[in-house]
Amino acid sequence: GEYTGIRFRIGVDETVNKADPNRHAPDHALNPQVNGLHWGWMGG
């Protein structure tokens, strides 16, 4: 098909942000070991 645009978010929505980050697979983008971007202390 034909497409005319793309859209994406920088960050994650609140449901994902407050979920347990350690549930993700070892190579998943949201695994803290992969991204080093999780505030373990503040949550999110």
Full PDB file with SEQRES, HELIX, SHEET, SSBOND, CRYST1, ORIGX, SCALE, CONECT and MASTER records, all heavy atoms in Angstrom:
SEQRES   1 A   44  GLY GLU TYR THR GLY ILE ARG PHE ARG ILE GLY VAL ASP          
SEQRES   2 A   44  GLU THR VAL ASN LYS ALA ASP PRO ASN ARG HIS ALA PRO          
SEQRES   3 A   44  ASP HIS ALA LEU ASN PRO GLN VAL ASN GLY LEU HIS TRP          
SEQRES   4 A   44  GLY TRP MET GLY GLY                                          
HELIX    1 AA1 GLU A   14  LYS A   18  1                                   5    
HELIX    2 AA2 PRO A   21  ARG A   23  5                                   3    
HELIX    3 AA3 PRO A   32  ASN A   35  1                                   4    
CRYST1    1.000    1.000    1.000  90.00  90.00  90.00 P 1           1          
ORIGX1      1.000000  0.000000  0.000000        0.00000                         
ORIGX2      0.000000  1.000000  0.000000        0.00000                         
ORIGX3      0.000000  0.000000  1.000000        0.00000                         
SCALE1      1.000000  0.000000  0.000000        0.00000                         
SCALE2      0.000000  1.000000  0.000000        0.00000                         
SCALE3      0.000000  0.000000  1.000000        0.00000                         
ATOM      1  N   GLY A   1       0.814  -1.201   0.000  1.00  0.00           N  
ATOM      2  CA  GLY A   1       0.000   0.000   0.000  1.00  0.00           C  
ATOM      3  C   GLY A   1       0.846   1.249   0.000  1.00  0.00           C  
ATOM      4  O   GLY A   1       2.074   1.196   0.125  1.00  0.00           O  
ATOM      5  N   GLU A   2       0.203   2.388  -0.143  1.00  0.00           N  
ATOM      6  CA  GLU A   2       0.896   3.663  -0.151  1.00  0.00           C  
ATOM      7  C   GLU A   2       0.715   4.365   1.190  1.00  0.00           C  
ATOM      8  O   GLU A   2      -0.388   4.386   1.750  1.00  0.00           O  
ATOM      9  CB  GLU A   2       0.368   4.548  -1.287  1.00  0.00           C  
ATOM     10  CG  GLU A   2       0.673   3.991  -2.670  1.00  0.00           C  
ATOM     11  CD  GLU A   2       0.290   4.952  -3.774  1.00  0.00           C  
ATOM     12  OE1 GLU A   2       0.271   6.182  -3.512  1.00  0.00           O  
ATOM     13  OE2 GLU A   2      -0.006   4.473  -4.878  1.00  0.00           O  
ATOM     14  N   TYR A   3       1.803   4.984   1.669  1.00  0.00           N  
ATOM     15  CA  TYR A   3       1.813   5.648   2.959  1.00  0.00           C  
ATOM     16  C   TYR A   3       2.348   7.061   2.783  1.00  0.00           C  
ATOM     17  O   TYR A   3       3.156   7.338   1.885  1.00  0.00           O  
ATOM     18  CB  TYR A   3       2.677   4.877   3.958  1.00  0.00           C  
ATOM     19  CG  TYR A   3       2.172   3.476   4.214  1.00  0.00           C  
ATOM     20  CD1 TYR A   3       2.536   2.426   3.366  1.00  0.00           C  
ATOM     21  CD2 TYR A   3       1.321   3.205   5.278  1.00  0.00           C  
ATOM     22  CE1 TYR A   3       2.059   1.139   3.581  1.00  0.00           C  
ATOM     23  CE2 TYR A   3       0.844   1.918   5.506  1.00  0.00           C  
ATOM     24  CZ  TYR A   3       1.213   0.900   4.643  1.00  0.00           C  
ATOM     25  OH  TYR A   3       0.742  -0.371   4.847  1.00  0.00           O  
ATOM     26  N   THR A   4       1.922   7.948   3.681  1.00  0.00           N  
ATOM     27  CA  THR A   4       2.320   9.354   3.557  1.00  0.00           C  
ATOM     28  C   THR A   4       2.960   9.924   4.819  1.00  0.00           C  
ATOM     29  O   THR A   4       3.243  11.128   4.874  1.00  0.00           O  
ATOM     30  CB  THR A   4       1.095  10.220   3.208  1.00  0.00           C  
ATOM     31  OG1 THR A   4       0.111  10.094   4.257  1.00  0.00           O  
ATOM     32  CG2 THR A   4       0.491   9.800   1.881  1.00  0.00           C  
ATOM     33  N   GLY A   5       3.175   9.092   5.815  1.00  0.00           N  
ATOM     34  CA  GLY A   5       3.800   9.623   7.017  1.00  0.00           C  
ATOM     35  C   GLY A   5       4.120   8.545   8.034  1.00  0.00           C  
ATOM     36  O   GLY A   5       3.620   7.422   7.962  1.00  0.00           O  
ATOM     37  N   ILE A   6       4.996   8.895   8.979  1.00  0.00           N  
ATOM     38  CA  ILE A   6       5.306   8.026  10.119  1.00  0.00           C  
ATOM     39  C   ILE A   6       5.177   8.849  11.386  1.00  0.00           C  
ATOM     40  O   ILE A   6       5.277  10.087  11.376  1.00  0.00           O  
ATOM     41  CB  ILE A   6       6.719   7.408  10.038  1.00  0.00           C  
ATOM     42  CG1 ILE A   6       7.790   8.508  10.097  1.00  0.00           C  
ATOM     43  CG2 ILE A   6       6.870   6.536   8.806  1.00  0.00           C  
ATOM     44  CD1 ILE A   6       9.187   7.950  10.299  1.00  0.00           C  
ATOM     45  N   ARG A   7       4.960   8.146  12.471  1.00  0.00           N  
ATOM     46  CA  ARG A   7       4.844   8.792  13.778  1.00  0.00           C  
ATOM     47  C   ARG A   7       5.431   7.840  14.819  1.00  0.00           C  
ATOM     48  O   ARG A   7       5.277   6.631  14.732  1.00  0.00           O  
ATOM     49  CB  ARG A   7       3.377   9.081  14.093  1.00  0.00           C  
ATOM     50  CG  ARG A   7       3.139   9.848  15.390  1.00  0.00           C  
ATOM     51  CD  ARG A   7       1.657  10.191  15.521  1.00  0.00           C  
ATOM     52  NE  ARG A   7       0.848   8.986  15.716  1.00  0.00           N  
ATOM     53  CZ  ARG A   7      -0.446   8.903  15.414  1.00  0.00           C  
ATOM     54  NH1 ARG A   7      -1.085   9.929  14.878  1.00  0.00           N  
ATOM     55  NH2 ARG A   7      -1.113   7.781  15.633  1.00  0.00           N  
ATOM     56  N   PHE A   8       6.116   8.397  15.796  1.00  0.00           N  
ATOM     57  CA  PHE A   8       6.625   7.592  16.904  1.00  0.00           C  
ATOM     58  C   PHE A   8       6.773   8.478  18.132  1.00  0.00           C  
ATOM     59  O   PHE A   8       6.753   9.707  18.044  1.00  0.00           O  
ATOM     60  CB  PHE A   8       7.962   6.926  16.552  1.00  0.00           C  
ATOM     61  CG  PHE A   8       9.029   7.873  16.079  1.00  0.00           C  
ATOM     62  CD1 PHE A   8       9.856   8.532  16.977  1.00  0.00           C  
ATOM     63  CD2 PHE A   8       9.212   8.106  14.716  1.00  0.00           C  
ATOM     64  CE1 PHE A   8      10.838   9.400  16.542  1.00  0.00           C  
ATOM     65  CE2 PHE A   8      10.191   8.984  14.270  1.00  0.00           C  
ATOM     66  CZ  PHE A   8      11.003   9.624  15.180  1.00  0.00           C  
ATOM     67  N   ARG A   9       6.908   7.826  19.266  1.00  0.00           N  
ATOM     68  CA  ARG A   9       7.106   8.547  20.522  1.00  0.00           C  
ATOM     69  C   ARG A   9       8.555   8.399  20.990  1.00  0.00           C  
ATOM     70  O   ARG A   9       9.185   7.363  20.748  1.00  0.00           O  
ATOM     71  CB  ARG A   9       6.161   8.014  21.608  1.00  0.00           C  
ATOM     72  CG  ARG A   9       4.694   8.259  21.315  1.00  0.00           C  
ATOM     73  CD  ARG A   9       3.830   7.931  22.530  1.00  0.00           C  
ATOM     74  NE  ARG A   9       3.910   6.523  22.880  1.00  0.00           N  
ATOM     75  CZ  ARG A   9       3.038   5.605  22.469  1.00  0.00           C  
ATOM     76  NH1 ARG A   9       2.022   5.955  21.684  1.00  0.00           N  
ATOM     77  NH2 ARG A   9       3.154   4.343  22.841  1.00  0.00           N  
ATOM     78  N   ILE A  10       9.044   9.424  21.632  1.00  0.00           N  
ATOM     79  CA  ILE A  10      10.310   9.330  22.364  1.00  0.00           C  
ATOM     80  C   ILE A  10       9.934   9.145  23.823  1.00  0.00           C  
ATOM     81  O   ILE A  10       9.395  10.048  24.463  1.00  0.00           O  
ATOM     82  CB  ILE A  10      11.172  10.580  22.178  1.00  0.00           C  
ATOM     83  CG1 ILE A  10      11.431  10.835  20.691  1.00  0.00           C  
ATOM     84  CG2 ILE A  10      12.504  10.419  22.915  1.00  0.00           C  
ATOM     85  CD1 ILE A  10      12.156  12.145  20.435  1.00  0.00           C  
ATOM     86  N   GLY A  11      10.191   7.956  24.345  1.00  0.00           N  
ATOM     87  CA  GLY A  11       9.749   7.594  25.681  1.00  0.00           C  
ATOM     88  C   GLY A  11       8.699   6.510  25.619  1.00  0.00           C  
ATOM     89  O   GLY A  11       8.415   5.943  24.552  1.00  0.00           O  
ATOM     90  N   VAL A  12       8.112   6.208  26.745  1.00  0.00           N  
ATOM     91  CA  VAL A  12       7.096   5.156  26.833  1.00  0.00           C  
ATOM     92  C   VAL A  12       5.898   5.688  27.610  1.00  0.00           C  
ATOM     93  O   VAL A  12       6.021   6.615  28.407  1.00  0.00           O  
ATOM     94  CB  VAL A  12       7.652   3.889  27.514  1.00  0.00           C  
ATOM     95  CG1 VAL A  12       8.775   3.271  26.696  1.00  0.00           C  
ATOM     96  CG2 VAL A  12       8.153   4.198  28.935  1.00  0.00           C  
ATOM     97  N   ASP A  13       4.737   5.081  27.371  1.00  0.00           N  
ATOM     98  CA  ASP A  13       3.551   5.556  28.069  1.00  0.00           C  
ATOM     99  C   ASP A  13       3.591   5.169  29.545  1.00  0.00           C  
ATOM    100  O   ASP A  13       4.442   4.391  29.978  1.00  0.00           O  
ATOM    101  CB  ASP A  13       2.275   5.054  27.385  1.00  0.00           C  
ATOM    102  CG  ASP A  13       2.119   3.550  27.410  1.00  0.00           C  
ATOM    103  OD1 ASP A  13       2.533   2.922  28.427  1.00  0.00           O  
ATOM    104  OD2 ASP A  13       1.590   2.983  26.446  1.00  0.00           O  
ATOM    105  N   GLU A  14       2.669   5.694  30.310  1.00  0.00           N  
ATOM    106  CA  GLU A  14       2.711   5.552  31.760  1.00  0.00           C  
ATOM    107  C   GLU A  14       2.565   4.105  32.203  1.00  0.00           C  
ATOM    108  O   GLU A  14       3.186   3.690  33.187  1.00  0.00           O  
ATOM    109  CB  GLU A  14       1.608   6.414  32.391  1.00  0.00           C  
ATOM    110  CG  GLU A  14       1.802   6.683  33.869  1.00  0.00           C  
ATOM    111  CD  GLU A  14       3.000   7.583  34.163  1.00  0.00           C  
ATOM    112  OE1 GLU A  14       3.777   7.862  33.242  1.00  0.00           O  
ATOM    113  OE2 GLU A  14       3.170   7.983  35.327  1.00  0.00           O  
ATOM    114  N   THR A  15       1.771   3.314  31.489  1.00  0.00           N  
ATOM    115  CA  THR A  15       1.614   1.908  31.867  1.00  0.00           C  
ATOM    116  C   THR A  15       2.937   1.164  31.774  1.00  0.00           C  
ATOM    117  O   THR A  15       3.343   0.443  32.693  1.00  0.00           O  
ATOM    118  CB  THR A  15       0.569   1.233  30.958  1.00  0.00           C  
ATOM    119  OG1 THR A  15      -0.680   1.896  31.114  1.00  0.00           O  
ATOM    120  CG2 THR A  15       0.418  -0.239  31.326  1.00  0.00           C  
ATOM    121  N   VAL A  16       3.631   1.352  30.673  1.00  0.00           N  
ATOM    122  CA  VAL A  16       4.938   0.708  30.495  1.00  0.00           C  
ATOM    123  C   VAL A  16       5.946   1.291  31.476  1.00  0.00           C  
ATOM    124  O   VAL A  16       6.773   0.576  32.051  1.00  0.00           O  
ATOM    125  CB  VAL A  16       5.417   0.886  29.046  1.00  0.00           C  
ATOM    126  CG1 VAL A  16       6.843   0.354  28.877  1.00  0.00           C  
ATOM    127  CG2 VAL A  16       4.471   0.185  28.083  1.00  0.00           C  
ATOM    128  N   ASN A  17       5.868   2.590  31.694  1.00  0.00           N  
ATOM    129  CA  ASN A  17       6.846   3.270  32.540  1.00  0.00           C  
ATOM    130  C   ASN A  17       6.791   2.781  33.981  1.00  0.00           C  
ATOM    131  O   ASN A  17       7.811   2.740  34.679  1.00  0.00           O  
ATOM    132  CB  ASN A  17       6.599   4.781  32.495  1.00  0.00           C  
ATOM    133  CG  ASN A  17       7.848   5.578  32.780  1.00  0.00           C  
ATOM    134  OD1 ASN A  17       8.948   5.146  32.494  1.00  0.00           O  
ATOM    135  ND2 ASN A  17       7.670   6.760  33.331  1.00  0.00           N  
ATOM    136  N   LYS A  18       5.600   2.400  34.444  1.00  0.00           N  
ATOM    137  CA  LYS A  18       5.451   1.971  35.837  1.00  0.00           C  
ATOM    138  C   LYS A  18       5.521   0.455  36.006  1.00  0.00           C  
ATOM    139  O   LYS A  18       5.471  -0.040  37.127  1.00  0.00           O  
ATOM    140  CB  LYS A  18       4.114   2.483  36.382  1.00  0.00           C  
ATOM    141  CG  LYS A  18       3.992   4.005  36.408  1.00  0.00           C  
ATOM    142  CD  LYS A  18       5.111   4.656  37.207  1.00  0.00           C  
ATOM    143  CE  LYS A  18       4.938   6.164  37.273  1.00  0.00           C  
ATOM    144  NZ  LYS A  18       6.079   6.822  37.971  1.00  0.00           N  
ATOM    145  N   ALA A  19       5.637  -0.290  34.904  1.00  0.00           N  
ATOM    146  CA  ALA A  19       5.685  -1.745  34.992  1.00  0.00           C  
ATOM    147  C   ALA A  19       7.075  -2.210  35.438  1.00  0.00           C  
ATOM    148  O   ALA A  19       8.039  -1.446  35.423  1.00  0.00           O  
ATOM    149  CB  ALA A  19       5.322  -2.362  33.645  1.00  0.00           C  
ATOM    150  N   ASP A  20       7.160  -3.458  35.824  1.00  0.00           N  
ATOM    151  CA  ASP A  20       8.427  -4.049  36.266  1.00  0.00           C  
ATOM    152  C   ASP A  20       9.387  -4.145  35.085  1.00  0.00           C  
ATOM    153  O   ASP A  20       9.132  -4.868  34.121  1.00  0.00           O  
ATOM    154  CB  ASP A  20       8.155  -5.453  36.828  1.00  0.00           C  
ATOM    155  CG  ASP A  20       9.432  -6.152  37.269  1.00  0.00           C  
ATOM    156  OD1 ASP A  20      10.507  -5.513  37.311  1.00  0.00           O  
ATOM    157  OD2 ASP A  20       9.368  -7.358  37.569  1.00  0.00           O  
ATOM    158  N   PRO A  21      10.533  -3.445  35.113  1.00  0.00           N  
ATOM    159  CA  PRO A  21      11.443  -3.467  33.959  1.00  0.00           C  
ATOM    160  C   PRO A  21      12.184  -4.788  33.809  1.00  0.00           C  
ATOM    161  O   PRO A  21      12.707  -5.090  32.743  1.00  0.00           O  
ATOM    162  CB  PRO A  21      12.423  -2.328  34.270  1.00  0.00           C  
ATOM    163  CG  PRO A  21      12.457  -2.290  35.763  1.00  0.00           C  
ATOM    164  CD  PRO A  21      11.045  -2.607  36.207  1.00  0.00           C  
ATOM    165  N   ASN A  22      12.232  -5.575  34.882  1.00  0.00           N  
ATOM    166  CA  ASN A  22      13.015  -6.807  34.845  1.00  0.00           C  
ATOM    167  C   ASN A  22      12.281  -7.980  34.197  1.00  0.00           C  
ATOM    168  O   ASN A  22      12.815  -9.077  34.116  1.00  0.00           O  
ATOM    169  CB  ASN A  22      13.455  -7.186  36.260  1.00  0.00           C  
ATOM    170  CG  ASN A  22      14.363  -6.130  36.853  1.00  0.00           C  
ATOM    171  OD1 ASN A  22      15.209  -5.577  36.157  1.00  0.00           O  
ATOM    172  ND2 ASN A  22      14.183  -5.823  38.128  1.00  0.00           N  
ATOM    173  N   ARG A  23      11.052  -7.727  33.718  1.00  0.00           N  
ATOM    174  CA  ARG A  23      10.301  -8.790  33.061  1.00  0.00           C  
ATOM    175  C   ARG A  23      10.717  -8.967  31.605  1.00  0.00           C  
ATOM    176  O   ARG A  23      10.349  -9.951  30.967  1.00  0.00           O  
ATOM    177  CB  ARG A  23       8.808  -8.469  33.112  1.00  0.00           C  
ATOM    178  CG  ARG A  23       8.412  -7.202  32.372  1.00  0.00           C  
ATOM    179  CD  ARG A  23       6.975  -6.777  32.660  1.00  0.00           C  
ATOM    180  NE  ARG A  23       6.648  -5.488  32.089  1.00  0.00           N  
ATOM    181  CZ  ARG A  23       6.096  -5.308  30.896  1.00  0.00           C  
ATOM    182  NH1 ARG A  23       5.814  -6.359  30.149  1.00  0.00           N  
ATOM    183  NH2 ARG A  23       5.833  -4.110  30.447  1.00  0.00           N  
ATOM    184  N   HIS A  24      11.478  -8.026  31.078  1.00  0.00           N  
ATOM    185  CA  HIS A  24      11.805  -8.047  29.667  1.00  0.00           C  
ATOM    186  C   HIS A  24      12.948  -9.013  29.367  1.00  0.00           C  
ATOM    187  O   HIS A  24      13.850  -9.217  30.180  1.00  0.00           O  
ATOM    188  CB  HIS A  24      12.178  -6.645  29.187  1.00  0.00           C  
ATOM    189  CG  HIS A  24      11.059  -5.654  29.350  1.00  0.00           C  
ATOM    190  ND1 HIS A  24       9.902  -5.716  28.610  1.00  0.00           N  
ATOM    191  CD2 HIS A  24      10.917  -4.601  30.187  1.00  0.00           C  
ATOM    192  CE1 HIS A  24       9.094  -4.736  28.974  1.00  0.00           C  
ATOM    193  NE2 HIS A  24       9.682  -4.039  29.931  1.00  0.00           N  
ATOM    194  N   ALA A  25      12.925  -9.589  28.183  1.00  0.00           N  
ATOM    195  CA  ALA A  25      13.951 -10.525  27.739  1.00  0.00           C  
ATOM    196  C   ALA A  25      15.328  -9.857  27.749  1.00  0.00           C  
ATOM    197  O   ALA A  25      15.429  -8.623  27.683  1.00  0.00           O  
ATOM    198  CB  ALA A  25      13.614 -11.044  26.342  1.00  0.00           C  
ATOM    199  N   PRO A  26      16.400 -10.643  27.805  1.00  0.00           N  
ATOM    200  CA  PRO A  26      17.746 -10.058  27.940  1.00  0.00           C  
ATOM    201  C   PRO A  26      18.125  -9.069  26.845  1.00  0.00           C  
ATOM    202  O   PRO A  26      18.897  -8.153  27.099  1.00  0.00           O  
ATOM    203  CB  PRO A  26      18.653 -11.294  27.904  1.00  0.00           C  
ATOM    204  CG  PRO A  26      17.814 -12.411  28.398  1.00  0.00           C  
ATOM    205  CD  PRO A  26      16.422 -12.118  27.908  1.00  0.00           C  
ATOM    206  N   ASP A  27      17.596  -9.255  25.628  1.00  0.00           N  
ATOM    207  CA  ASP A  27      17.972  -8.348  24.546  1.00  0.00           C  
ATOM    208  C   ASP A  27      16.852  -7.375  24.182  1.00  0.00           C  
ATOM    209  O   ASP A  27      16.901  -6.723  23.149  1.00  0.00           O  
ATOM    210  CB  ASP A  27      18.394  -9.139  23.306  1.00  0.00           C  
ATOM    211  CG  ASP A  27      17.314 -10.107  22.836  1.00  0.00           C  
ATOM    212  OD1 ASP A  27      16.287 -10.271  23.545  1.00  0.00           O  
ATOM    213  OD2 ASP A  27      17.513 -10.724  21.783  1.00  0.00           O  
ATOM    214  N   HIS A  28      15.843  -7.262  25.030  1.00  0.00           N  
ATOM    215  CA  HIS A  28      14.721  -6.352  24.775  1.00  0.00           C  
ATOM    216  C   HIS A  28      15.141  -4.906  25.007  1.00  0.00           C  
ATOM    217  O   HIS A  28      15.937  -4.608  25.900  1.00  0.00           O  
ATOM    218  CB  HIS A  28      13.551  -6.713  25.689  1.00  0.00           C  
ATOM    219  CG  HIS A  28      12.250  -6.097  25.302  1.00  0.00           C  
ATOM    220  ND1 HIS A  28      11.957  -4.781  25.537  1.00  0.00           N  
ATOM    221  CD2 HIS A  28      11.158  -6.620  24.689  1.00  0.00           C  
ATOM    222  CE1 HIS A  28      10.738  -4.507  25.094  1.00  0.00           C  
ATOM    223  NE2 HIS A  28      10.229  -5.607  24.568  1.00  0.00           N  
ATOM    224  N   ALA A  29      14.595  -4.006  24.203  1.00  0.00           N  
ATOM    225  CA  ALA A  29      14.952  -2.588  24.316  1.00  0.00           C  
ATOM    226  C   ALA A  29      14.693  -2.031  25.702  1.00  0.00           C  
ATOM    227  O   ALA A  29      15.382  -1.111  26.139  1.00  0.00           O  
ATOM    228  CB  ALA A  29      14.172  -1.774  23.285  1.00  0.00           C  
ATOM    229  N   LEU A  30      13.694  -2.550  26.413  1.00  0.00           N  
ATOM    230  CA  LEU A  30      13.335  -2.012  27.721  1.00  0.00           C  
ATOM    231  C   LEU A  30      14.023  -2.723  28.872  1.00  0.00           C  
ATOM    232  O   LEU A  30      13.793  -2.383  30.036  1.00  0.00           O  
ATOM    233  CB  LEU A  30      11.816  -2.066  27.907  1.00  0.00           C  
ATOM    234  CG  LEU A  30      11.000  -1.230  26.909  1.00  0.00           C  
ATOM    235  CD1 LEU A  30       9.519  -1.272  27.267  1.00  0.00           C  
ATOM    236  CD2 LEU A  30      11.492   0.212  26.861  1.00  0.00           C  
ATOM    237  N   ASN A  31      14.870  -3.696  28.576  1.00  0.00           N  
ATOM    238  CA  ASN A  31      15.658  -4.331  29.633  1.00  0.00           C  
ATOM    239  C   ASN A  31      16.702  -3.327  30.128  1.00  0.00           C  
ATOM    240  O   ASN A  31      17.466  -2.782  29.329  1.00  0.00           O  
ATOM    241  CB  ASN A  31      16.340  -5.586  29.093  1.00  0.00           C  
ATOM    242  CG  ASN A  31      17.046  -6.375  30.175  1.00  0.00           C  
ATOM    243  OD1 ASN A  31      17.833  -5.824  30.944  1.00  0.00           O  
ATOM    244  ND2 ASN A  31      16.791  -7.658  30.231  1.00  0.00           N  
ATOM    245  N   PRO A  32      16.748  -3.025  31.416  1.00  0.00           N  
ATOM    246  CA  PRO A  32      17.699  -2.023  31.918  1.00  0.00           C  
ATOM    247  C   PRO A  32      19.147  -2.321  31.581  1.00  0.00           C  
ATOM    248  O   PRO A  32      19.951  -1.399  31.421  1.00  0.00           O  
ATOM    249  CB  PRO A  32      17.471  -2.045  33.442  1.00  0.00           C  
ATOM    250  CG  PRO A  32      16.061  -2.514  33.597  1.00  0.00           C  
ATOM    251  CD  PRO A  32      15.853  -3.528  32.496  1.00  0.00           C  
ATOM    252  N   GLN A  33      19.484  -3.620  31.433  1.00  0.00           N  
ATOM    253  CA  GLN A  33      20.852  -3.967  31.062  1.00  0.00           C  
ATOM    254  C   GLN A  33      21.158  -3.547  29.632  1.00  0.00           C  
ATOM    255  O   GLN A  33      22.308  -3.298  29.286  1.00  0.00           O  
ATOM    256  CB  GLN A  33      21.065  -5.475  31.207  1.00  0.00           C  
ATOM    257  CG  GLN A  33      21.298  -5.931  32.622  1.00  0.00           C  
ATOM    258  CD  GLN A  33      22.632  -5.446  33.145  1.00  0.00           C  
ATOM    259  OE1 GLN A  33      22.686  -4.586  34.015  1.00  0.00           O  
ATOM    260  NE2 GLN A  33      23.713  -5.981  32.646  1.00  0.00           N  
ATOM    261  N   VAL A  34      20.145  -3.509  28.793  1.00  0.00           N  
ATOM    262  CA  VAL A  34      20.336  -3.128  27.399  1.00  0.00           C  
ATOM    263  C   VAL A  34      20.457  -1.617  27.273  1.00  0.00           C  
ATOM    264  O   VAL A  34      21.366  -1.100  26.623  1.00  0.00           O  
ATOM    265  CB  VAL A  34      19.172  -3.645  26.519  1.00  0.00           C  
ATOM    266  CG1 VAL A  34      19.263  -3.067  25.106  1.00  0.00           C  
ATOM    267  CG2 VAL A  34      19.189  -5.168  26.469  1.00  0.00           C  
ATOM    268  N   ASN A  35      19.537  -0.885  27.908  1.00  0.00           N  
ATOM    269  CA  ASN A  35      19.465   0.552  27.651  1.00  0.00           C  
ATOM    270  C   ASN A  35      20.138   1.437  28.689  1.00  0.00           C  
ATOM    271  O   ASN A  35      20.484   2.575  28.399  1.00  0.00           O  
ATOM    272  CB  ASN A  35      18.007   0.987  27.467  1.00  0.00           C  
ATOM    273  CG  ASN A  35      17.146   0.682  28.681  1.00  0.00           C  
ATOM    274  OD1 ASN A  35      17.416   1.135  29.788  1.00  0.00           O  
ATOM    275  ND2 ASN A  35      16.076  -0.077  28.484  1.00  0.00           N  
ATOM    276  N   GLY A  36      20.308   0.954  29.911  1.00  0.00           N  
ATOM    277  CA  GLY A  36      20.905   1.801  30.949  1.00  0.00           C  
ATOM    278  C   GLY A  36      20.125   3.068  31.214  1.00  0.00           C  
ATOM    279  O   GLY A  36      20.672   4.060  31.708  1.00  0.00           O  
ATOM    280  N   LEU A  37      18.823   3.045  30.925  1.00  0.00           N  
ATOM    281  CA  LEU A  37      18.002   4.252  31.051  1.00  0.00           C  
ATOM    282  C   LEU A  37      16.891   4.117  32.078  1.00  0.00           C  
ATOM    283  O   LEU A  37      15.961   4.924  32.077  1.00  0.00           O  
ATOM    284  CB  LEU A  37      17.382   4.603  29.686  1.00  0.00           C  
ATOM    285  CG  LEU A  37      18.354   5.111  28.613  1.00  0.00           C  
ATOM    286  CD1 LEU A  37      17.643   5.237  27.267  1.00  0.00           C  
ATOM    287  CD2 LEU A  37      18.956   6.448  29.013  1.00  0.00           C  
ATOM    288  N   HIS A  38      16.981   3.133  32.938  1.00  0.00           N  
ATOM    289  CA  HIS A  38      15.903   2.975  33.910  1.00  0.00           C  
ATOM    290  C   HIS A  38      16.323   3.530  35.266  1.00  0.00           C  
ATOM    291  O   HIS A  38      17.369   3.188  35.802  1.00  0.00           O  
ATOM    292  CB  HIS A  38      15.498   1.508  34.071  1.00  0.00           C  
ATOM    293  CG  HIS A  38      14.216   1.347  34.840  1.00  0.00           C  
ATOM    294  ND1 HIS A  38      14.190   1.133  36.201  1.00  0.00           N  
ATOM    295  CD2 HIS A  38      12.920   1.406  34.447  1.00  0.00           C  
ATOM    296  CE1 HIS A  38      12.937   1.048  36.618  1.00  0.00           C  
ATOM    297  NE2 HIS A  38      12.146   1.222  35.570  1.00  0.00           N  
ATOM    298  N   TRP A  39      15.463   4.403  35.805  1.00  0.00           N  
ATOM    299  CA  TRP A  39      15.681   4.930  37.152  1.00  0.00           C  
ATOM    300  C   TRP A  39      15.116   3.920  38.140  1.00  0.00           C  
ATOM    301  O   TRP A  39      13.921   3.947  38.472  1.00  0.00           O  
ATOM    302  CB  TRP A  39      14.965   6.258  37.327  1.00  0.00           C  
ATOM    303  CG  TRP A  39      15.762   7.443  36.917  1.00  0.00           C  
ATOM    304  CD1 TRP A  39      17.098   7.582  36.962  1.00  0.00           C  
ATOM    305  CD2 TRP A  39      15.248   8.682  36.404  1.00  0.00           C  
ATOM    306  NE1 TRP A  39      17.466   8.818  36.516  1.00  0.00           N  
ATOM    307  CE2 TRP A  39      16.355   9.514  36.165  1.00  0.00           C  
ATOM    308  CE3 TRP A  39      13.972   9.157  36.127  1.00  0.00           C  
ATOM    309  CZ2 TRP A  39      16.220  10.802  35.671  1.00  0.00           C  
ATOM    310  CZ3 TRP A  39      13.843  10.436  35.629  1.00  0.00           C  
ATOM    311  CH2 TRP A  39      14.951  11.250  35.405  1.00  0.00           C  
ATOM    312  N   GLY A  40      15.956   2.990  38.595  1.00  0.00           N  
ATOM    313  CA  GLY A  40      15.462   1.969  39.501  1.00  0.00           C  
ATOM    314  C   GLY A  40      14.903   2.538  40.787  1.00  0.00           C  
ATOM    315  O   GLY A  40      14.012   1.959  41.394  1.00  0.00           O  
ATOM    316  N   TRP A  41      15.410   3.702  41.184  1.00  0.00           N  
ATOM    317  CA  TRP A  41      15.025   4.258  42.482  1.00  0.00           C  
ATOM    318  C   TRP A  41      13.723   5.045  42.397  1.00  0.00           C  
ATOM    319  O   TRP A  41      12.919   5.042  43.313  1.00  0.00           O  
ATOM    320  CB  TRP A  41      16.145   5.167  42.984  1.00  0.00           C  
ATOM    321  CG  TRP A  41      17.462   4.523  42.837  1.00  0.00           C  
ATOM    322  CD1 TRP A  41      18.477   4.860  41.986  1.00  0.00           C  
ATOM    323  CD2 TRP A  41      17.910   3.353  43.514  1.00  0.00           C  
ATOM    324  NE1 TRP A  41      19.524   4.001  42.102  1.00  0.00           N  
ATOM    325  CE2 TRP A  41      19.208   3.055  43.042  1.00  0.00           C  
ATOM    326  CE3 TRP A  41      17.354   2.517  44.479  1.00  0.00           C  
ATOM    327  CZ2 TRP A  41      19.940   1.979  43.501  1.00  0.00           C  
ATOM    328  CZ3 TRP A  41      18.091   1.447  44.936  1.00  0.00           C  
ATOM    329  CH2 TRP A  41      19.356   1.187  44.450  1.00  0.00           C  
ATOM    330  N   MET A  42      13.506   5.729  41.285  1.00  0.00           N  
ATOM    331  CA  MET A  42      12.335   6.581  41.160  1.00  0.00           C  
ATOM    332  C   MET A  42      11.196   5.862  40.459  1.00  0.00           C  
ATOM    333  O   MET A  42      10.052   6.286  40.525  1.00  0.00           O  
ATOM    334  CB  MET A  42      12.699   7.854  40.383  1.00  0.00           C  
ATOM    335  CG  MET A  42      13.787   8.683  41.059  1.00  0.00           C  
ATOM    336  SD  MET A  42      14.300  10.083  40.051  1.00  0.00           S  
ATOM    337  CE  MET A  42      12.796  11.035  40.046  1.00  0.00           C  
ATOM    338  N   GLY A  43      11.509   4.758  39.796  1.00  0.00           N  
ATOM    339  CA  GLY A  43      10.505   4.054  39.022  1.00  0.00           C  
ATOM    340  C   GLY A  43      10.299   4.742  37.689  1.00  0.00           C  
ATOM    341  O   GLY A  43       9.947   5.914  37.638  1.00  0.00           O  
ATOM    342  N   GLY A  44      10.548   4.046  36.615  1.00  0.00           N  
ATOM    343  CA  GLY A  44      10.346   4.628  35.305  1.00  0.00           C  
ATOM    344  C   GLY A  44      11.643   4.827  34.547  1.00  0.00           C  
ATOM    345  O   GLY A  44      12.746   4.731  35.088  1.00  0.00           O  
TER     346      GLY A  44                                                      
MASTER        0    0    0    3    0    0    0    6  345    1    0    4          
END                                                                             
